[in-house]
Amino acid sequence: MYLTSEKKQEFFSTYGKNEKDTGSSEGQIALFTYRINHLTGHLKQNKKDHSTRRALIKLVGKRRRLLDYLKNTEIDRYRSIIEKLNLRK
């Protein structure tokens, strides 16, 4: 499997407060970004996989909502996560 427990803990320890802080917005955004990149690579090879395309669209929407939440509540955390993950802006 492409996403192991150790990999998840690495995301949450790097972007969250600690490895047990799985609910932080930054950790979730980092995890969603990793999954989005993986699914994008899969869809480049399998163009007719519509169920994966739907899952990708749902993940992008979840990440967008979390980013909007951070932008509206704490703009500094939003700017730092955008910079760390090399998302736009």
Protein backbone atom coordinates (compact mmCIF):
# COMPACT_ATOMS: atom_id res chain seq x y z
CA MET A 1 0.00 0.00 0.00
CA TYR A 2 1.27 3.46 -0.82
CA LEU A 3 0.31 5.05 2.51
CA THR A 4 1.54 3.26 5.61
CA SER A 5 1.03 4.18 9.25
CA GLU A 6 4.63 5.32 9.51
CA LYS A 7 4.17 7.64 6.55
CA LYS A 8 1.05 9.15 8.15
CA GLN A 9 2.89 9.67 11.44
CA GLU A 10 5.68 11.37 9.52
CA PHE A 11 3.21 13.84 7.98
CA PHE A 12 1.58 14.62 11.31
CA SER A 13 4.90 15.00 13.13
CA THR A 14 6.29 17.24 10.38
CA TYR A 15 3.27 19.48 9.81
CA GLY A 16 1.26 19.05 13.01
CA LYS A 17 2.20 19.78 16.61
CA ASN A 18 3.31 16.16 17.22
CA GLU A 19 2.75 12.70 15.70
CA LYS A 20 -0.38 12.12 17.80
CA ASP A 21 -1.99 15.38 16.64
CA THR A 22 -3.95 13.88 13.75
CA GLY A 23 -6.67 16.51 13.84
CA SER A 24 -4.61 19.57 13.04
CA SER A 25 -5.52 21.28 9.79
CA GLU A 26 -1.92 21.42 8.62
CA GLY A 27 -1.41 17.69 9.05
CA GLN A 28 -4.64 16.87 7.24
CA ILE A 29 -3.80 19.24 4.38
CA ALA A 30 -0.36 17.63 4.01
CA LEU A 31 -1.90 14.15 3.98
CA PHE A 32 -4.54 15.17 1.42
CA THR A 33 -1.83 16.73 -0.76
CA TYR A 34 0.17 13.49 -0.72
CA ARG A 35 -2.93 11.47 -1.63
CA ILE A 36 -3.89 13.94 -4.39
CA ASN A 37 -0.42 13.67 -5.93
CA HIS A 38 -0.62 9.87 -5.82
CA LEU A 39 -4.06 9.76 -7.43
CA THR A 40 -3.00 12.26 -10.09
CA GLY A 41 -0.14 9.99 -11.09
CA HIS A 42 -2.52 7.02 -11.20
CA LEU A 43 -4.96 8.89 -13.43
CA LYS A 44 -2.22 9.85 -15.88
CA GLN A 45 -1.75 6.15 -16.59
CA ASN A 46 -5.40 5.06 -16.26
CA LYS A 47 -7.45 7.73 -18.01
CA LYS A 48 -10.76 5.85 -17.86
CA ASP A 49 -10.74 5.16 -14.12
CA HIS A 50 -13.76 7.29 -13.23
CA SER A 51 -14.11 6.14 -9.62
CA THR A 52 -10.58 7.32 -8.87
CA ARG A 53 -11.33 10.59 -10.66
CA ARG A 54 -14.34 11.11 -8.42
CA ALA A 55 -12.26 10.35 -5.31
CA LEU A 56 -9.64 12.84 -6.48
CA ILE A 57 -12.25 15.57 -6.94
CA LYS A 58 -13.63 14.90 -3.45
CA LEU A 59 -10.13 15.09 -1.93
CA VAL A 60 -9.40 18.36 -3.68
CA GLY A 61 -12.65 19.77 -2.29
CA LYS A 62 -11.79 18.64 1.24
CA ARG A 63 -8.35 20.21 1.02
CA ARG A 64 -9.84 23.41 -0.39
CA ARG A 65 -12.32 23.66 2.50
CA LEU A 66 -9.56 23.15 5.07
CA LEU A 67 -7.40 25.79 3.38
CA ASP A 68 -10.34 28.22 3.34
CA TYR A 69 -10.94 27.55 7.04
CA LEU A 70 -7.30 28.30 7.85
CA LYS A 71 -7.33 31.42 5.68
CA ASN A 72 -10.39 32.78 7.48
CA THR A 73 -9.27 31.92 11.03
CA GLU A 74 -5.46 32.09 11.15
CA ILE A 75 -3.83 33.62 8.10
CA ASP A 76 -0.26 33.01 9.35
CA ARG A 77 -0.80 29.24 9.59
CA TYR A 78 -2.39 29.33 6.12
CA ARG A 79 0.60 31.13 4.61
CA SER A 80 3.10 28.80 6.26
CA ILE A 81 1.38 25.60 5.04
CA ILE A 82 1.05 27.00 1.51
CA GLU A 83 4.78 27.77 1.54
CA LYS A 84 5.82 24.40 3.02
CA LEU A 85 3.79 22.32 0.58
CA ASN A 86 4.59 24.51 -2.45
CA LEU A 87 0.94 25.10 -3.23
CA ARG A 88 0.09 28.27 -5.10
CA LYS A 89 0.55 31.82 -3.85
